[in-house]
Amino acid sequence: MTEYLLEARARVLHDLDACRMADAAAVSALEAALSQRGWWVSQWPDGAPYVVGLVAQDVQDALLDAGSRWPRCGACDEVAEHSLGVEPELGDDPHWVCTESGLEVARLGALRAPQQTG
């Protein structure tokens, strides 16, 4: 079960870093989510394959509560700022999906850094 938590940490940290949001507050939110989900997995071992997506959602919620939107969508033509969501919400092989268009953007842990302009 530890391997699922380590995978969740690596994939979420990659995506935070790709969005240039891997600061102390975000990493603390990630560590808190891992701690909470570690207990959750110990109570429901069959849920271990789903922990990656759940940790990402936990971090996303914590950052939103702190006033940060992560990850921001840059994949669609929608003008209003909006986030990506994790789909499936409870399933294996989670992906980041645009909450406005439904466009699948990247596998969780595979976001790319935004292109620099200018």
C-alpha atoms as a PDB file:
ATOM      1  CA  MET A   1       0.000   0.000   0.000  1.00  0.00           C
ATOM      2  CA  THR A   2       2.949   2.309   0.596  1.00  0.00           C
ATOM      3  CA  GLU A   3       3.763   2.190  -3.110  1.00  0.00           C
ATOM      4  CA  TYR A   4       0.403   3.799  -3.919  1.00  0.00           C
ATOM      5  CA  LEU A   5       1.095   6.669  -1.532  1.00  0.00           C
ATOM      6  CA  LEU A   6       4.588   7.140  -2.966  1.00  0.00           C
ATOM      7  CA  GLU A   7       3.159   7.136  -6.473  1.00  0.00           C
ATOM      8  CA  ALA A   8       0.528   9.681  -5.443  1.00  0.00           C
ATOM      9  CA  ARG A   9       3.216  11.914  -3.935  1.00  0.00           C
ATOM     10  CA  ALA A  10       5.413  11.741  -7.026  1.00  0.00           C
ATOM     11  CA  ARG A  11       2.602  12.352  -9.515  1.00  0.00           C
ATOM     12  CA  VAL A  12       0.968  15.219  -7.631  1.00  0.00           C
ATOM     13  CA  LEU A  13       4.324  16.850  -6.890  1.00  0.00           C
ATOM     14  CA  HIS A  14       5.217  16.635 -10.589  1.00  0.00           C
ATOM     15  CA  ASP A  15       2.002  18.395 -11.539  1.00  0.00           C
ATOM     16  CA  LEU A  16       2.450  21.062  -8.867  1.00  0.00           C
ATOM     17  CA  ASP A  17       5.960  21.676 -10.168  1.00  0.00           C
ATOM     18  CA  ALA A  18       4.796  21.752 -13.798  1.00  0.00           C
ATOM     19  CA  CYS A  19       2.390  24.545 -12.831  1.00  0.00           C
ATOM     20  CA  ARG A  20       5.110  26.314 -10.843  1.00  0.00           C
ATOM     21  CA  MET A  21       3.111  25.849  -7.650  1.00  0.00           C
ATOM     22  CA  ALA A  22       5.352  23.473  -5.697  1.00  0.00           C
ATOM     23  CA  ASP A  23       5.897  26.014  -2.915  1.00  0.00           C
ATOM     24  CA  ALA A  24       5.970  25.305   0.824  1.00  0.00           C
ATOM     25  CA  ALA A  25       2.207  25.725   1.251  1.00  0.00           C
ATOM     26  CA  ALA A  26       1.382  23.362  -1.609  1.00  0.00           C
ATOM     27  CA  VAL A  27       3.885  20.719  -0.476  1.00  0.00           C
ATOM     28  CA  SER A  28       2.484  20.965   3.058  1.00  0.00           C
ATOM     29  CA  ALA A  29      -1.013  20.417   1.643  1.00  0.00           C
ATOM     30  CA  LEU A  30       0.322  17.404  -0.250  1.00  0.00           C
ATOM     31  CA  GLU A  31       1.935  15.932   2.862  1.00  0.00           C
ATOM     32  CA  ALA A  32      -1.267  16.465   4.874  1.00  0.00           C
ATOM     33  CA  ALA A  33      -3.304  14.747   2.157  1.00  0.00           C
ATOM     34  CA  LEU A  34      -0.886  11.817   2.082  1.00  0.00           C
ATOM     35  CA  SER A  35      -1.104  11.441   5.835  1.00  0.00           C
ATOM     36  CA  GLN A  36      -4.903  11.444   5.793  1.00  0.00           C
ATOM     37  CA  ARG A  37      -5.101   9.085   2.830  1.00  0.00           C
ATOM     38  CA  GLY A  38      -2.567   6.763   4.467  1.00  0.00           C
ATOM     39  CA  TRP A  39      -5.078   6.236   7.258  1.00  0.00           C
ATOM     40  CA  TRP A  40      -7.876   5.872   4.693  1.00  0.00           C
ATOM     41  CA  VAL A  41      -5.965   3.153   2.798  1.00  0.00           C
ATOM     42  CA  SER A  42      -5.218   1.323   6.042  1.00  0.00           C
ATOM     43  CA  GLN A  43      -8.979   1.154   6.668  1.00  0.00           C
ATOM     44  CA  TRP A  44      -9.894   0.239   3.074  1.00  0.00           C
ATOM     45  CA  PRO A  45      -6.955  -1.577   1.436  1.00  0.00           C
ATOM     46  CA  ASP A  46      -8.978  -2.315  -1.706  1.00  0.00           C
ATOM     47  CA  GLY A  47      -9.142   1.442  -2.297  1.00  0.00           C
ATOM     48  CA  ALA A  48      -5.359   1.784  -2.610  1.00  0.00           C
ATOM     49  CA  PRO A  49      -5.412   2.004  -6.431  1.00  0.00           C
ATOM     50  CA  TYR A  50      -7.655   5.081  -6.153  1.00  0.00           C
ATOM     51  CA  VAL A  51      -5.465   7.032  -3.755  1.00  0.00           C
ATOM     52  CA  VAL A  52      -3.571   8.897  -6.498  1.00  0.00           C
ATOM     53  CA  GLY A  53      -6.660  10.732  -7.717  1.00  0.00           C
ATOM     54  CA  LEU A  54      -7.955  11.295  -4.207  1.00  0.00           C
ATOM     55  CA  VAL A  55      -4.700  12.890  -3.062  1.00  0.00           C
ATOM     56  CA  ALA A  56      -4.749  15.205  -6.089  1.00  0.00           C
ATOM     57  CA  GLN A  57      -8.323  16.223  -5.265  1.00  0.00           C
ATOM     58  CA  ASP A  58      -7.404  16.787  -1.614  1.00  0.00           C
ATOM     59  CA  VAL A  59      -4.509  19.052  -2.573  1.00  0.00           C
ATOM     60  CA  GLN A  60      -6.669  20.867  -5.105  1.00  0.00           C
ATOM     61  CA  ASP A  61      -9.329  21.492  -2.429  1.00  0.00           C
ATOM     62  CA  ALA A  62      -6.757  22.672   0.133  1.00  0.00           C
ATOM     63  CA  LEU A  63      -5.214  25.106  -2.328  1.00  0.00           C
ATOM     64  CA  LEU A  64      -8.623  26.411  -3.367  1.00  0.00           C
ATOM     65  CA  ASP A  65      -9.492  26.952   0.296  1.00  0.00           C
ATOM     66  CA  ALA A  66      -6.261  28.962   0.586  1.00  0.00           C
ATOM     67  CA  GLY A  67      -7.196  31.074  -2.445  1.00  0.00           C
ATOM     68  CA  SER A  68      -5.202  29.349  -5.207  1.00  0.00           C
ATOM     69  CA  ARG A  69      -6.651  27.647  -8.252  1.00  0.00           C
ATOM     70  CA  TRP A  70      -4.672  24.547  -9.282  1.00  0.00           C
ATOM     71  CA  PRO A  71      -4.215  23.378 -11.887  1.00  0.00           C
ATOM     72  CA  ARG A  72      -5.516  26.103 -14.145  1.00  0.00           C
ATOM     73  CA  CYS A  73      -6.823  25.085 -17.525  1.00  0.00           C
ATOM     74  CA  GLY A  74      -4.900  26.365 -20.502  1.00  0.00           C
ATOM     75  CA  ALA A  75      -6.147  23.760 -22.925  1.00  0.00           C
ATOM     76  CA  CYS A  76      -9.461  25.172 -24.100  1.00  0.00           C
ATOM     77  CA  ASP A  77     -10.788  28.384 -25.602  1.00  0.00           C
ATOM     78  CA  GLU A  78     -12.807  29.383 -22.526  1.00  0.00           C
ATOM     79  CA  VAL A  79     -11.922  32.957 -21.553  1.00  0.00           C
ATOM     80  CA  ALA A  80     -12.879  32.753 -17.875  1.00  0.00           C
ATOM     81  CA  GLU A  81     -10.189  31.275 -15.640  1.00  0.00           C
ATOM     82  CA  HIS A  82     -11.088  27.789 -14.504  1.00  0.00           C
ATOM     83  CA  SER A  83      -9.459  24.654 -13.153  1.00  0.00           C
ATOM     84  CA  LEU A  84      -8.899  21.164 -14.344  1.00  0.00           C
ATOM     85  CA  GLY A  85     -10.670  18.386 -12.476  1.00  0.00           C
ATOM     86  CA  VAL A  86      -9.709  14.782 -11.786  1.00  0.00           C
ATOM     87  CA  GLU A  87     -11.644  12.080 -13.621  1.00  0.00           C
ATOM     88  CA  PRO A  88     -12.660   9.535 -12.729  1.00  0.00           C
ATOM     89  CA  GLU A  89     -13.289  10.913  -9.268  1.00  0.00           C
ATOM     90  CA  LEU A  90     -12.896   7.451  -7.783  1.00  0.00           C
ATOM     91  CA  GLY A  91     -11.093   5.152 -10.152  1.00  0.00           C
ATOM     92  CA  ASP A  92      -7.738   4.061 -11.357  1.00  0.00           C
ATOM     93  CA  ASP A  93      -5.754   5.868 -14.073  1.00  0.00           C
ATOM     94  CA  PRO A  94      -6.957   9.382 -13.187  1.00  0.00           C
ATOM     95  CA  HIS A  95      -6.646  12.225 -15.694  1.00  0.00           C
ATOM     96  CA  TRP A  96      -6.880  16.002 -15.581  1.00  0.00           C
ATOM     97  CA  VAL A  97      -9.948  17.125 -17.498  1.00  0.00           C
ATOM     98  CA  CYS A  98     -11.142  20.641 -18.342  1.00  0.00           C
ATOM     99  CA  THR A  99     -14.161  21.355 -16.137  1.00  0.00           C
ATOM    100  CA  GLU A 100     -15.702  23.553 -18.848  1.00  0.00           C
ATOM    101  CA  SER A 101     -15.184  21.639 -22.093  1.00  0.00           C
ATOM    102  CA  GLY A 102     -14.646  18.089 -20.828  1.00  0.00           C
ATOM    103  CA  LEU A 103     -11.388  17.936 -22.796  1.00  0.00           C
ATOM    104  CA  GLU A 104      -8.913  15.423 -21.380  1.00  0.00           C
ATOM    105  CA  VAL A 105      -5.684  17.354 -20.820  1.00  0.00           C
ATOM    106  CA  ALA A 106      -3.175  14.933 -19.277  1.00  0.00           C
ATOM    107  CA  ARG A 107      -2.767  11.869 -17.168  1.00  0.00           C
ATOM    108  CA  LEU A 108      -2.375  12.796 -13.516  1.00  0.00           C
ATOM    109  CA  GLY A 109       1.365  13.208 -13.041  1.00  0.00           C
ATOM    110  CA  ALA A 110       1.963  14.243 -16.649  1.00  0.00           C
ATOM    111  CA  LEU A 111       1.028  17.922 -16.810  1.00  0.00           C
ATOM    112  CA  ARG A 112       3.471  19.996 -18.821  1.00  0.00           C
ATOM    113  CA  ALA A 113       4.778  23.390 -17.873  1.00  0.00           C
ATOM    114  CA  PRO A 114       2.981  26.207 -19.698  1.00  0.00           C
ATOM    115  CA  GLN A 115       4.792  27.577 -22.730  1.00  0.00           C
ATOM    116  CA  GLN A 116       6.621  30.851 -22.198  1.00  0.00           C
ATOM    117  CA  THR A 117       5.603  33.620 -24.546  1.00  0.00           C
ATOM    118  CA  GLY A 118       7.592  36.628 -25.642  1.00  0.00           C
END
